[in-house]
Amino acid sequence: MKPVRRHRNFEKNFRKRIAPNPKLLLQFEDRLELFLSGFRGYPLDDHSLSGKLIGKRAFSVAGDIRVIYEELEDSIIFIDIGTHNQVY
């Protein structure tokens, strides 16, 4: 698995939107473990994005919470996290 880096925008939004909620934090940790193992199916529902986010991908954390990321040749960069309306 490629190393995962976190963009400063992701870090800021993670601290604001996810970290204060223990349930969401636990779900993020579970989904991150699945993602890092190479799994991309349900419940992650990993998919490519289109429009202004073409070339990027997203996976589900919980319900309406998504992680937007970009896969580069040598790493994966988590770009943003939040609800569908917050990240798209």
C-alpha atoms as a PDB file:
ATOM      1  CA  MET A   1       0.000   0.000   0.000  1.00  0.00           C
ATOM      2  CA  LYS A   2       1.194   3.498  -0.826  1.00  0.00           C
ATOM      3  CA  PRO A   3       1.825   5.842   2.097  1.00  0.00           C
ATOM      4  CA  VAL A   4      -1.040   8.186   2.977  1.00  0.00           C
ATOM      5  CA  ARG A   5      -0.414  11.878   3.502  1.00  0.00           C
ATOM      6  CA  ARG A   6      -2.943  14.348   4.838  1.00  0.00           C
ATOM      7  CA  HIS A   7      -3.342  17.752   3.206  1.00  0.00           C
ATOM      8  CA  ARG A   8      -3.551  20.630   5.700  1.00  0.00           C
ATOM      9  CA  ASN A   9      -7.136  21.278   4.552  1.00  0.00           C
ATOM     10  CA  PHE A  10      -8.007  17.677   5.452  1.00  0.00           C
ATOM     11  CA  GLU A  11      -6.355  18.061   8.880  1.00  0.00           C
ATOM     12  CA  LYS A  12      -8.258  21.283   9.605  1.00  0.00           C
ATOM     13  CA  ASN A  13     -11.618  19.855   8.577  1.00  0.00           C
ATOM     14  CA  PHE A  14     -10.939  16.568  10.380  1.00  0.00           C
ATOM     15  CA  ARG A  15     -10.309  18.419  13.658  1.00  0.00           C
ATOM     16  CA  LYS A  16     -13.418  20.554  13.160  1.00  0.00           C
ATOM     17  CA  ARG A  17     -15.890  18.021  11.733  1.00  0.00           C
ATOM     18  CA  ILE A  18     -14.850  14.537  12.871  1.00  0.00           C
ATOM     19  CA  ALA A  19     -12.638  14.616  15.985  1.00  0.00           C
ATOM     20  CA  PRO A  20     -15.246  16.199  18.312  1.00  0.00           C
ATOM     21  CA  ASN A  21     -17.647  13.291  17.645  1.00  0.00           C
ATOM     22  CA  PRO A  22     -16.364  10.035  19.241  1.00  0.00           C
ATOM     23  CA  LYS A  23     -18.715   7.879  17.154  1.00  0.00           C
ATOM     24  CA  LEU A  24     -17.555   9.445  13.863  1.00  0.00           C
ATOM     25  CA  LEU A  25     -13.933   9.225  14.981  1.00  0.00           C
ATOM     26  CA  LEU A  26     -14.301   5.487  15.608  1.00  0.00           C
ATOM     27  CA  GLN A  27     -16.021   4.967  12.251  1.00  0.00           C
ATOM     28  CA  PHE A  28     -13.259   6.895  10.493  1.00  0.00           C
ATOM     29  CA  GLU A  29     -10.602   4.703  12.131  1.00  0.00           C
ATOM     30  CA  ASP A  30     -12.468   1.542  11.057  1.00  0.00           C
ATOM     31  CA  ARG A  31     -12.869   2.759   7.466  1.00  0.00           C
ATOM     32  CA  LEU A  32      -9.252   3.922   7.322  1.00  0.00           C
ATOM     33  CA  GLU A  33      -8.111   0.450   8.341  1.00  0.00           C
ATOM     34  CA  LEU A  34     -10.204  -1.076   5.524  1.00  0.00           C
ATOM     35  CA  PHE A  35      -8.883   1.493   3.041  1.00  0.00           C
ATOM     36  CA  LEU A  36      -5.259   0.878   4.021  1.00  0.00           C
ATOM     37  CA  SER A  37      -5.740  -2.878   3.609  1.00  0.00           C
ATOM     38  CA  GLY A  38      -6.630  -2.273  -0.059  1.00  0.00           C
ATOM     39  CA  PHE A  39     -10.354  -2.917   0.296  1.00  0.00           C
ATOM     40  CA  ARG A  40     -12.551  -0.655  -1.867  1.00  0.00           C
ATOM     41  CA  GLY A  41     -16.047  -2.224  -1.842  1.00  0.00           C
ATOM     42  CA  TYR A  42     -18.951  -1.857   0.569  1.00  0.00           C
ATOM     43  CA  PRO A  43     -19.010  -0.108   3.078  1.00  0.00           C
ATOM     44  CA  LEU A  44     -16.305   2.178   1.624  1.00  0.00           C
ATOM     45  CA  ASP A  45     -18.014   2.448  -1.769  1.00  0.00           C
ATOM     46  CA  ASP A  46     -14.824   3.938  -3.222  1.00  0.00           C
ATOM     47  CA  HIS A  47     -15.504   5.768  -6.485  1.00  0.00           C
ATOM     48  CA  SER A  48     -13.948   8.214  -8.923  1.00  0.00           C
ATOM     49  CA  LEU A  49     -15.215  11.780  -9.074  1.00  0.00           C
ATOM     50  CA  SER A  50     -16.156  13.956 -12.013  1.00  0.00           C
ATOM     51  CA  GLY A  51     -16.654  17.640 -12.738  1.00  0.00           C
ATOM     52  CA  LYS A  52     -14.337  19.989 -10.866  1.00  0.00           C
ATOM     53  CA  LEU A  53     -12.948  17.034  -8.886  1.00  0.00           C
ATOM     54  CA  ILE A  54     -12.091  14.880 -11.905  1.00  0.00           C
ATOM     55  CA  GLY A  55      -9.020  12.760 -11.223  1.00  0.00           C
ATOM     56  CA  LYS A  56      -9.846  12.495  -7.525  1.00  0.00           C
ATOM     57  CA  ARG A  57     -11.622   9.704  -5.664  1.00  0.00           C
ATOM     58  CA  ALA A  58     -13.864   9.439  -2.593  1.00  0.00           C
ATOM     59  CA  PHE A  59     -14.874   6.830  -0.054  1.00  0.00           C
ATOM     60  CA  SER A  60     -17.601   6.757   2.595  1.00  0.00           C
ATOM     61  CA  VAL A  61     -16.898   6.959   6.298  1.00  0.00           C
ATOM     62  CA  ALA A  62     -20.454   6.958   7.623  1.00  0.00           C
ATOM     63  CA  GLY A  63     -23.788   7.846   6.098  1.00  0.00           C
ATOM     64  CA  ASP A  64     -23.127  11.179   4.431  1.00  0.00           C
ATOM     65  CA  ILE A  65     -19.458  11.598   5.487  1.00  0.00           C
ATOM     66  CA  ARG A  66     -16.895  11.318   2.673  1.00  0.00           C
ATOM     67  CA  VAL A  67     -13.110  11.406   2.344  1.00  0.00           C
ATOM     68  CA  ILE A  68     -11.835  12.998  -0.883  1.00  0.00           C
ATOM     69  CA  TYR A  69      -8.406  11.788  -1.925  1.00  0.00           C
ATOM     70  CA  GLU A  70      -5.983  11.737  -4.811  1.00  0.00           C
ATOM     71  CA  GLU A  71      -3.848   8.744  -5.696  1.00  0.00           C
ATOM     72  CA  LEU A  72      -0.433   9.732  -6.989  1.00  0.00           C
ATOM     73  CA  GLU A  73       2.308   7.515  -8.347  1.00  0.00           C
ATOM     74  CA  ASP A  74       4.068   7.231  -4.990  1.00  0.00           C
ATOM     75  CA  SER A  75       1.446   8.180  -2.381  1.00  0.00           C
ATOM     76  CA  ILE A  76      -2.177   8.899  -1.552  1.00  0.00           C
ATOM     77  CA  ILE A  77      -3.190  12.357  -0.371  1.00  0.00           C
ATOM     78  CA  PHE A  78      -6.327  12.818   1.726  1.00  0.00           C
ATOM     79  CA  ILE A  79      -7.657  16.188   0.562  1.00  0.00           C
ATOM     80  CA  ASP A  80     -10.912  16.779   2.454  1.00  0.00           C
ATOM     81  CA  ILE A  81     -13.421  15.160   4.786  1.00  0.00           C
ATOM     82  CA  GLY A  82     -17.003  16.106   5.585  1.00  0.00           C
ATOM     83  CA  THR A  83     -20.591  15.718   4.484  1.00  0.00           C
ATOM     84  CA  HIS A  84     -21.500  15.443   0.838  1.00  0.00           C
ATOM     85  CA  ASN A  85     -22.411  19.149   0.703  1.00  0.00           C
ATOM     86  CA  GLN A  86     -19.220  20.213   2.504  1.00  0.00           C
ATOM     87  CA  VAL A  87     -16.762  18.406   0.228  1.00  0.00           C
ATOM     88  CA  TYR A  88     -18.398  18.560  -3.209  1.00  0.00           C
END
